[in-house]
Amino acid sequence: MADYKTSLTGREEVCFATMSFNFEKPEGFQYKAGQHVDITLINPPETDEEGNTRTYTLSSAPFEEKLTITTRMRATAFKRSLKTVALGTEIELEGPSGSFRLHKDASKPAVFLAGGIGVTPFYSITKQATKDKQPHTIYLFYSDQKPEDAAFLKDLQNLEKENRNFKLIATMTRVKKDPSWQGETGHINIEMLKKHVPDPSTPIYYIAGPPRMVEAMQKMLVDGGIDEDNIRTEEFEGYD
């Protein structure tokens, strides 16, 4: 990993209680879709016992000119500072790191299982795969409480229209009485998986989300007969 100096160039609310923060891409900085970075605030207006450094998966894709992280906004000094400091504020960036990346063998489908803000690596990977016209078949099972809570939902729906190899299966856990939602409902389960994936034994599986969700999805797959060697995980701490 390398250290870089960069600056905050923009921020926006992407869905309920969730914001994206944009940074200038430092010269020479290269990364793979799905990787993460450490971001350190320099002399922030406030701090707490958690410190001034956080690890974030990049929700931007490598082909994009900016670097973007996307996070649920909790009441921490770090996130309050990131939300309020002036645009142009300098920050330190270390990375990239991580091996949570799309596998090379395109004959094996990829099945992404995302819980909440755990969608960020999959958003990056799918954007890059679409841009590069990669031949992988990709299924993204994306679970959140309500559509308004789901980051990048419309963007992912548009990517599905653009990329014939990409299938989005969004499921909401708290919309059972909402007639406007036409997608799946309830938590991701093995029956939902088998409904949409023709041969569940062949894909490489990727799970990202809060630790309890990751643990539950991993158990679901193993109990469903999926080889553990074909399961890759990434836990997003602090969101249970």
C-alpha atoms as a PDB file:
ATOM      1  CA  MET A   1       0.000   0.000   0.000  1.00  0.00           C
ATOM      2  CA  ALA A   2       1.035   3.582  -0.630  1.00  0.00           C
ATOM      3  CA  ASP A   3       0.221   6.870   1.079  1.00  0.00           C
ATOM      4  CA  TYR A   4      -1.330   9.770  -0.820  1.00  0.00           C
ATOM      5  CA  LYS A   5      -2.621  13.261  -0.135  1.00  0.00           C
ATOM      6  CA  THR A   6      -5.916  14.165  -1.754  1.00  0.00           C
ATOM      7  CA  SER A   7      -8.841  16.525  -1.165  1.00  0.00           C
ATOM      8  CA  LEU A   8     -12.577  16.365  -0.652  1.00  0.00           C
ATOM      9  CA  THR A   9     -14.295  17.547  -3.850  1.00  0.00           C
ATOM     10  CA  GLY A  10     -17.976  16.837  -3.249  1.00  0.00           C
ATOM     11  CA  ARG A  11     -20.647  15.073  -1.210  1.00  0.00           C
ATOM     12  CA  GLU A  12     -24.263  14.109  -1.706  1.00  0.00           C
ATOM     13  CA  GLU A  13     -27.027  12.182   0.002  1.00  0.00           C
ATOM     14  CA  VAL A  14     -27.700   9.088  -2.111  1.00  0.00           C
ATOM     15  CA  CYS A  15     -30.572   7.678  -0.059  1.00  0.00           C
ATOM     16  CA  PHE A  16     -31.973   7.909   3.455  1.00  0.00           C
ATOM     17  CA  ALA A  17     -29.176   8.540   6.006  1.00  0.00           C
ATOM     18  CA  THR A  18     -26.514   7.582   3.459  1.00  0.00           C
ATOM     19  CA  MET A  19     -23.961   9.862   1.827  1.00  0.00           C
ATOM     20  CA  SER A  20     -21.302   9.636  -0.859  1.00  0.00           C
ATOM     21  CA  PHE A  21     -18.073  11.608  -0.528  1.00  0.00           C
ATOM     22  CA  ASN A  22     -15.932  12.357  -3.580  1.00  0.00           C
ATOM     23  CA  PHE A  23     -12.170  12.851  -3.560  1.00  0.00           C
ATOM     24  CA  GLU A  24      -9.653  13.862  -6.179  1.00  0.00           C
ATOM     25  CA  LYS A  25      -7.895  10.792  -7.575  1.00  0.00           C
ATOM     26  CA  PRO A  26      -4.193  11.220  -6.761  1.00  0.00           C
ATOM     27  CA  GLU A  27      -1.733  10.947  -9.618  1.00  0.00           C
ATOM     28  CA  GLY A  28      -0.555   7.356  -9.968  1.00  0.00           C
ATOM     29  CA  PHE A  29      -3.322   5.910  -7.806  1.00  0.00           C
ATOM     30  CA  GLN A  30      -4.668   2.673  -9.293  1.00  0.00           C
ATOM     31  CA  TYR A  31      -7.063   0.130  -7.840  1.00  0.00           C
ATOM     32  CA  LYS A  32      -9.291  -2.813  -8.695  1.00  0.00           C
ATOM     33  CA  ALA A  33     -13.070  -2.684  -8.366  1.00  0.00           C
ATOM     34  CA  GLY A  34     -14.033  -4.001  -4.934  1.00  0.00           C
ATOM     35  CA  GLN A  35     -10.931  -2.808  -3.094  1.00  0.00           C
ATOM     36  CA  HIS A  36     -10.852  -0.476  -0.093  1.00  0.00           C
ATOM     37  CA  VAL A  37      -8.765   2.403   1.263  1.00  0.00           C
ATOM     38  CA  ASP A  38      -7.957   3.987   4.620  1.00  0.00           C
ATOM     39  CA  ILE A  39      -8.978   7.629   4.908  1.00  0.00           C
ATOM     40  CA  THR A  40      -7.488   9.880   7.582  1.00  0.00           C
ATOM     41  CA  LEU A  41      -8.810  13.326   8.463  1.00  0.00           C
ATOM     42  CA  ILE A  42      -6.056  15.868   9.143  1.00  0.00           C
ATOM     43  CA  ASN A  43      -6.794  18.093  12.165  1.00  0.00           C
ATOM     44  CA  PRO A  44     -10.573  17.531  12.028  1.00  0.00           C
ATOM     45  CA  PRO A  45     -12.923  19.888  13.903  1.00  0.00           C
ATOM     46  CA  GLU A  46     -13.691  17.091  16.364  1.00  0.00           C
ATOM     47  CA  THR A  47     -12.496  13.613  17.203  1.00  0.00           C
ATOM     48  CA  ASP A  48     -13.391  10.745  19.536  1.00  0.00           C
ATOM     49  CA  GLU A  49     -11.955   7.500  20.890  1.00  0.00           C
ATOM     50  CA  GLU A  50     -12.398   5.813  17.497  1.00  0.00           C
ATOM     51  CA  GLY A  51      -9.735   8.084  16.023  1.00  0.00           C
ATOM     52  CA  ASN A  52      -9.378   9.946  12.737  1.00  0.00           C
ATOM     53  CA  THR A  53      -8.926   7.022  10.342  1.00  0.00           C
ATOM     54  CA  ARG A  54     -11.569   4.790   8.777  1.00  0.00           C
ATOM     55  CA  THR A  55     -11.532   2.028   6.168  1.00  0.00           C
ATOM     56  CA  TYR A  56     -13.972   2.304   3.268  1.00  0.00           C
ATOM     57  CA  THR A  57     -14.636   0.285   0.156  1.00  0.00           C
ATOM     58  CA  LEU A  58     -14.554   2.500  -2.914  1.00  0.00           C
ATOM     59  CA  SER A  59     -18.011   2.741  -4.475  1.00  0.00           C
ATOM     60  CA  SER A  60     -16.474   4.408  -7.516  1.00  0.00           C
ATOM     61  CA  ALA A  61     -15.116   2.228 -10.322  1.00  0.00           C
ATOM     62  CA  PRO A  62     -11.505   2.388 -11.546  1.00  0.00           C
ATOM     63  CA  PHE A  63     -12.484   3.932 -14.890  1.00  0.00           C
ATOM     64  CA  GLU A  64     -14.105   6.919 -13.160  1.00  0.00           C
ATOM     65  CA  GLU A  65     -12.097  10.111 -12.691  1.00  0.00           C
ATOM     66  CA  LYS A  66     -12.998  10.583  -9.027  1.00  0.00           C
ATOM     67  CA  LEU A  67     -12.690   8.402  -5.937  1.00  0.00           C
ATOM     68  CA  THR A  68     -15.932   7.882  -4.026  1.00  0.00           C
ATOM     69  CA  ILE A  69     -16.831   6.298  -0.709  1.00  0.00           C
ATOM     70  CA  THR A  70     -20.410   5.777   0.423  1.00  0.00           C
ATOM     71  CA  THR A  71     -21.469   5.297   4.026  1.00  0.00           C
ATOM     72  CA  ARG A  72     -24.420   5.204   6.385  1.00  0.00           C
ATOM     73  CA  MET A  73     -24.273   8.367   8.476  1.00  0.00           C
ATOM     74  CA  ARG A  74     -23.873   7.504  12.159  1.00  0.00           C
ATOM     75  CA  ALA A  75     -23.314   9.962  14.996  1.00  0.00           C
ATOM     76  CA  THR A  76     -19.515   9.685  15.116  1.00  0.00           C
ATOM     77  CA  ALA A  77     -17.050  12.552  15.198  1.00  0.00           C
ATOM     78  CA  PHE A  78     -15.395  11.251  12.018  1.00  0.00           C
ATOM     79  CA  LYS A  79     -18.597  11.274   9.974  1.00  0.00           C
ATOM     80  CA  ARG A  80     -19.787  14.600  11.395  1.00  0.00           C
ATOM     81  CA  SER A  81     -16.443  16.107  10.430  1.00  0.00           C
ATOM     82  CA  LEU A  82     -16.492  14.606   6.952  1.00  0.00           C
ATOM     83  CA  LYS A  83     -19.973  16.028   6.440  1.00  0.00           C
ATOM     84  CA  THR A  84     -19.116  19.549   7.580  1.00  0.00           C
ATOM     85  CA  VAL A  85     -15.512  20.332   6.586  1.00  0.00           C
ATOM     86  CA  ALA A  86     -15.061  22.644   3.613  1.00  0.00           C
ATOM     87  CA  LEU A  87     -14.732  21.241   0.129  1.00  0.00           C
ATOM     88  CA  GLY A  88     -11.071  21.264  -0.814  1.00  0.00           C
ATOM     89  CA  THR A  89     -10.025  20.057   2.643  1.00  0.00           C
ATOM     90  CA  GLU A  90      -6.922  17.894   2.381  1.00  0.00           C
ATOM     91  CA  ILE A  91      -7.056  14.327   3.636  1.00  0.00           C
ATOM     92  CA  GLU A  92      -4.668  11.381   3.711  1.00  0.00           C
ATOM     93  CA  LEU A  93      -5.408   8.222   1.790  1.00  0.00           C
ATOM     94  CA  GLU A  94      -3.687   4.846   2.144  1.00  0.00           C
ATOM     95  CA  GLY A  95      -4.241   1.945  -0.204  1.00  0.00           C
ATOM     96  CA  PRO A  96      -5.634   0.300  -2.116  1.00  0.00           C
ATOM     97  CA  SER A  97      -5.916  -3.051  -0.385  1.00  0.00           C
ATOM     98  CA  GLY A  98      -8.149  -6.107  -0.359  1.00  0.00           C
ATOM     99  CA  SER A  99      -8.794  -9.082  -2.612  1.00  0.00           C
ATOM    100  CA  PHE A 100     -12.603  -8.846  -2.777  1.00  0.00           C
ATOM    101  CA  ARG A 101     -12.543  -8.714  -6.571  1.00  0.00           C
ATOM    102  CA  LEU A 102     -14.310 -10.406  -9.469  1.00  0.00           C
ATOM    103  CA  HIS A 103     -12.706 -13.762 -10.279  1.00  0.00           C
ATOM    104  CA  LYS A 104     -10.971 -14.245 -13.621  1.00  0.00           C
ATOM    105  CA  ASP A 105     -12.700 -17.412 -14.866  1.00  0.00           C
ATOM    106  CA  ALA A 106     -15.721 -16.062 -16.748  1.00  0.00           C
ATOM    107  CA  SER A 107     -17.143 -19.566 -17.181  1.00  0.00           C
ATOM    108  CA  LYS A 108     -18.171 -19.425 -13.521  1.00  0.00           C
ATOM    109  CA  PRO A 109     -21.023 -17.018 -12.707  1.00  0.00           C
ATOM    110  CA  ALA A 110     -20.658 -14.552  -9.856  1.00  0.00           C
ATOM    111  CA  VAL A 111     -23.366 -14.347  -7.207  1.00  0.00           C
ATOM    112  CA  PHE A 112     -23.214 -11.231  -5.035  1.00  0.00           C
ATOM    113  CA  LEU A 113     -25.127 -11.203  -1.733  1.00  0.00           C
ATOM    114  CA  ALA A 114     -25.368  -7.661  -0.337  1.00  0.00           C
ATOM    115  CA  GLY A 115     -26.874  -6.416   2.893  1.00  0.00           C
ATOM    116  CA  GLY A 116     -27.487  -2.661   3.137  1.00  0.00           C
ATOM    117  CA  ILE A 117     -24.383  -0.547   2.585  1.00  0.00           C
ATOM    118  CA  GLY A 118     -22.512  -3.774   1.788  1.00  0.00           C
ATOM    119  CA  VAL A 119     -23.621  -3.110  -1.786  1.00  0.00           C
ATOM    120  CA  THR A 120     -20.716  -0.684  -2.366  1.00  0.00           C
ATOM    121  CA  PRO A 121     -18.083  -3.174  -3.621  1.00  0.00           C
ATOM    122  CA  PHE A 122     -20.660  -4.790  -5.880  1.00  0.00           C
ATOM    123  CA  TYR A 123     -21.687  -1.421  -7.299  1.00  0.00           C
ATOM    124  CA  SER A 124     -18.045  -0.719  -8.166  1.00  0.00           C
ATOM    125  CA  ILE A 125     -17.462  -4.194  -9.634  1.00  0.00           C
ATOM    126  CA  THR A 126     -20.653  -4.119 -11.712  1.00  0.00           C
ATOM    127  CA  LYS A 127     -19.931  -0.669 -13.117  1.00  0.00           C
ATOM    128  CA  GLN A 128     -16.443  -1.744 -14.153  1.00  0.00           C
ATOM    129  CA  ALA A 129     -17.658  -5.062 -15.600  1.00  0.00           C
ATOM    130  CA  THR A 130     -20.262  -3.196 -17.640  1.00  0.00           C
ATOM    131  CA  LYS A 131     -17.758  -0.630 -18.884  1.00  0.00           C
ATOM    132  CA  ASP A 132     -15.260  -3.360 -19.857  1.00  0.00           C
ATOM    133  CA  LYS A 133     -17.975  -5.592 -21.357  1.00  0.00           C
ATOM    134  CA  GLN A 134     -16.724  -8.466 -19.241  1.00  0.00           C
ATOM    135  CA  PRO A 135     -18.423 -11.781 -20.147  1.00  0.00           C
ATOM    136  CA  HIS A 136     -19.120 -12.883 -16.567  1.00  0.00           C
ATOM    137  CA  THR A 137     -22.718 -13.659 -15.660  1.00  0.00           C
ATOM    138  CA  ILE A 138     -23.428 -11.656 -12.498  1.00  0.00           C
ATOM    139  CA  TYR A 139     -26.347 -12.002 -10.080  1.00  0.00           C
ATOM    140  CA  LEU A 140     -26.711  -9.362  -7.372  1.00  0.00           C
ATOM    141  CA  PHE A 141     -29.066 -10.206  -4.514  1.00  0.00           C
ATOM    142  CA  TYR A 142     -29.501  -6.885  -2.690  1.00  0.00           C
ATOM    143  CA  SER A 143     -31.377  -6.788   0.614  1.00  0.00           C
ATOM    144  CA  ASP A 144     -32.479  -3.663   2.464  1.00  0.00           C
ATOM    145  CA  GLN A 145     -35.452  -2.566   4.540  1.00  0.00           C
ATOM    146  CA  LYS A 146     -37.178  -0.267   2.032  1.00  0.00           C
ATOM    147  CA  PRO A 147     -36.387   1.055  -1.462  1.00  0.00           C
ATOM    148  CA  GLU A 148     -35.678   4.530  -0.084  1.00  0.00           C
ATOM    149  CA  ASP A 149     -32.997   2.984   2.159  1.00  0.00           C
ATOM    150  CA  ALA A 150     -31.223   1.187  -0.700  1.00  0.00           C
ATOM    151  CA  ALA A 151     -28.171   3.041  -2.016  1.00  0.00           C
ATOM    152  CA  PHE A 152     -27.733   3.038  -5.809  1.00  0.00           C
ATOM    153  CA  LEU A 153     -30.925   1.063  -6.407  1.00  0.00           C
ATOM    154  CA  LYS A 154     -31.925   3.061  -9.506  1.00  0.00           C
ATOM    155  CA  ASP A 155     -28.349   3.062 -10.802  1.00  0.00           C
ATOM    156  CA  LEU A 156     -28.220  -0.713 -10.478  1.00  0.00           C
ATOM    157  CA  GLN A 157     -31.564  -1.043 -12.250  1.00  0.00           C
ATOM    158  CA  ASN A 158     -30.120   1.029 -15.099  1.00  0.00           C
ATOM    159  CA  LEU A 159     -26.980  -1.131 -15.193  1.00  0.00           C
ATOM    160  CA  GLU A 160     -29.203  -4.197 -15.522  1.00  0.00           C
ATOM    161  CA  LYS A 161     -30.744  -2.655 -18.640  1.00  0.00           C
ATOM    162  CA  GLU A 162     -27.319  -1.845 -20.050  1.00  0.00           C
ATOM    163  CA  ASN A 163     -25.557  -5.125 -19.246  1.00  0.00           C
ATOM    164  CA  ARG A 164     -27.324  -8.278 -20.458  1.00  0.00           C
ATOM    165  CA  ASN A 165     -25.015 -10.399 -18.266  1.00  0.00           C
ATOM    166  CA  PHE A 166     -26.102  -8.643 -15.064  1.00  0.00           C
ATOM    167  CA  LYS A 167     -29.208  -9.624 -13.117  1.00  0.00           C
ATOM    168  CA  LEU A 168     -30.385  -7.558 -10.113  1.00  0.00           C
ATOM    169  CA  ILE A 169     -32.576  -9.275  -7.526  1.00  0.00           C
ATOM    170  CA  ALA A 170     -33.503  -6.604  -4.987  1.00  0.00           C
ATOM    171  CA  THR A 171     -35.470  -7.679  -1.938  1.00  0.00           C
ATOM    172  CA  MET A 172     -36.983  -5.465   0.750  1.00  0.00           C
ATOM    173  CA  THR A 173     -37.716  -6.707   4.258  1.00  0.00           C
ATOM    174  CA  ARG A 174     -40.290  -4.080   5.331  1.00  0.00           C
ATOM    175  CA  VAL A 175     -42.546  -3.461   2.313  1.00  0.00           C
ATOM    176  CA  LYS A 176     -44.957  -6.384   2.500  1.00  0.00           C
ATOM    177  CA  LYS A 177     -47.963  -4.037   2.399  1.00  0.00           C
ATOM    178  CA  ASP A 178     -46.528  -1.610  -0.175  1.00  0.00           C
ATOM    179  CA  PRO A 179     -48.117  -2.286  -3.600  1.00  0.00           C
ATOM    180  CA  SER A 180     -45.619   0.039  -5.308  1.00  0.00           C
ATOM    181  CA  TRP A 181     -42.777  -2.430  -4.707  1.00  0.00           C
ATOM    182  CA  GLN A 182     -42.731  -5.123  -7.393  1.00  0.00           C
ATOM    183  CA  GLY A 183     -39.509  -6.889  -6.417  1.00  0.00           C
ATOM    184  CA  GLU A 184     -38.799  -9.656  -3.927  1.00  0.00           C
ATOM    185  CA  THR A 185     -39.650  -9.288  -0.243  1.00  0.00           C
ATOM    186  CA  GLY A 186     -38.106 -10.757   2.889  1.00  0.00           C
ATOM    187  CA  HIS A 187     -34.551 -11.759   3.649  1.00  0.00           C
ATOM    188  CA  ILE A 188     -32.349 -13.543   1.133  1.00  0.00           C
ATOM    189  CA  ASN A 189     -32.802 -17.302   1.527  1.00  0.00           C
ATOM    190  CA  ILE A 190     -31.835 -20.462  -0.316  1.00  0.00           C
ATOM    191  CA  GLU A 191     -35.224 -20.704  -2.015  1.00  0.00           C
ATOM    192  CA  MET A 192     -34.837 -17.183  -3.449  1.00  0.00           C
ATOM    193  CA  LEU A 193     -31.348 -18.086  -4.622  1.00  0.00           C
ATOM    194  CA  LYS A 194     -32.505 -21.243  -6.395  1.00  0.00           C
ATOM    195  CA  LYS A 195     -35.382 -19.339  -7.981  1.00  0.00           C
ATOM    196  CA  HIS A 196     -33.027 -17.008  -9.849  1.00  0.00           C
ATOM    197  CA  VAL A 197     -29.766 -18.949 -10.267  1.00  0.00           C
ATOM    198  CA  PRO A 198     -30.135 -21.932 -12.646  1.00  0.00           C
ATOM    199  CA  ASP A 199     -27.357 -24.057 -11.095  1.00  0.00           C
ATOM    200  CA  PRO A 200     -26.395 -22.771  -7.621  1.00  0.00           C
ATOM    201  CA  SER A 201     -23.467 -25.208  -7.391  1.00  0.00           C
ATOM    202  CA  THR A 202     -21.411 -23.538 -10.142  1.00  0.00           C
ATOM    203  CA  PRO A 203     -20.964 -19.819  -9.172  1.00  0.00           C
ATOM    204  CA  ILE A 204     -18.389 -18.065  -7.045  1.00  0.00           C
ATOM    205  CA  TYR A 205     -20.250 -16.401  -4.151  1.00  0.00           C
ATOM    206  CA  TYR A 206     -19.413 -13.025  -2.623  1.00  0.00           C
ATOM    207  CA  ILE A 207     -21.052 -11.783   0.594  1.00  0.00           C
ATOM    208  CA  ALA A 208     -20.766  -8.229   1.946  1.00  0.00           C
ATOM    209  CA  GLY A 209     -22.664  -6.533   4.740  1.00  0.00           C
ATOM    210  CA  PRO A 210     -22.901  -6.374   8.541  1.00  0.00           C
ATOM    211  CA  PRO A 211     -21.138  -9.253  10.345  1.00  0.00           C
ATOM    212  CA  ARG A 212     -24.353 -11.007  11.400  1.00  0.00           C
ATOM    213  CA  MET A 213     -25.695 -10.860   7.846  1.00  0.00           C
ATOM    214  CA  VAL A 214     -22.434 -12.207   6.436  1.00  0.00           C
ATOM    215  CA  GLU A 215     -22.427 -15.063   8.957  1.00  0.00           C
ATOM    216  CA  ALA A 216     -26.064 -15.915   8.200  1.00  0.00           C
ATOM    217  CA  MET A 217     -25.529 -15.907   4.428  1.00  0.00           C
ATOM    218  CA  GLN A 218     -22.401 -18.026   4.699  1.00  0.00           C
ATOM    219  CA  LYS A 219     -24.280 -20.597   6.816  1.00  0.00           C
ATOM    220  CA  MET A 220     -27.187 -20.557   4.346  1.00  0.00           C
ATOM    221  CA  LEU A 221     -24.863 -21.355   1.459  1.00  0.00           C
ATOM    222  CA  VAL A 222     -22.944 -24.106   3.266  1.00  0.00           C
ATOM    223  CA  ASP A 223     -26.181 -25.690   4.516  1.00  0.00           C
ATOM    224  CA  GLY A 224     -27.440 -25.485   0.924  1.00  0.00           C
ATOM    225  CA  GLY A 225     -24.519 -27.557  -0.323  1.00  0.00           C
ATOM    226  CA  ILE A 226     -22.267 -24.782  -1.627  1.00  0.00           C
ATOM    227  CA  ASP A 227     -18.530 -25.524  -1.438  1.00  0.00           C
ATOM    228  CA  GLU A 228     -16.897 -23.216   1.119  1.00  0.00           C
ATOM    229  CA  ASP A 229     -13.974 -22.739  -1.270  1.00  0.00           C
ATOM    230  CA  ASN A 230     -16.388 -20.896  -3.582  1.00  0.00           C
ATOM    231  CA  ILE A 231     -17.482 -18.364  -0.934  1.00  0.00           C
ATOM    232  CA  ARG A 232     -15.753 -15.016  -0.344  1.00  0.00           C
ATOM    233  CA  THR A 233     -16.791 -12.555   2.367  1.00  0.00           C
ATOM    234  CA  GLU A 234     -16.304  -8.972   3.478  1.00  0.00           C
ATOM    235  CA  GLU A 235     -17.737  -7.658   6.752  1.00  0.00           C
ATOM    236  CA  PHE A 236     -18.845  -4.039   7.213  1.00  0.00           C
ATOM    237  CA  GLU A 237     -18.382  -3.294  10.906  1.00  0.00           C
ATOM    238  CA  GLY A 238     -20.556  -0.874  12.853  1.00  0.00           C
ATOM    239  CA  TYR A 239     -23.873  -1.380  11.050  1.00  0.00           C
ATOM    240  CA  ASP A 240     -25.607  -4.162  13.005  1.00  0.00           C
END
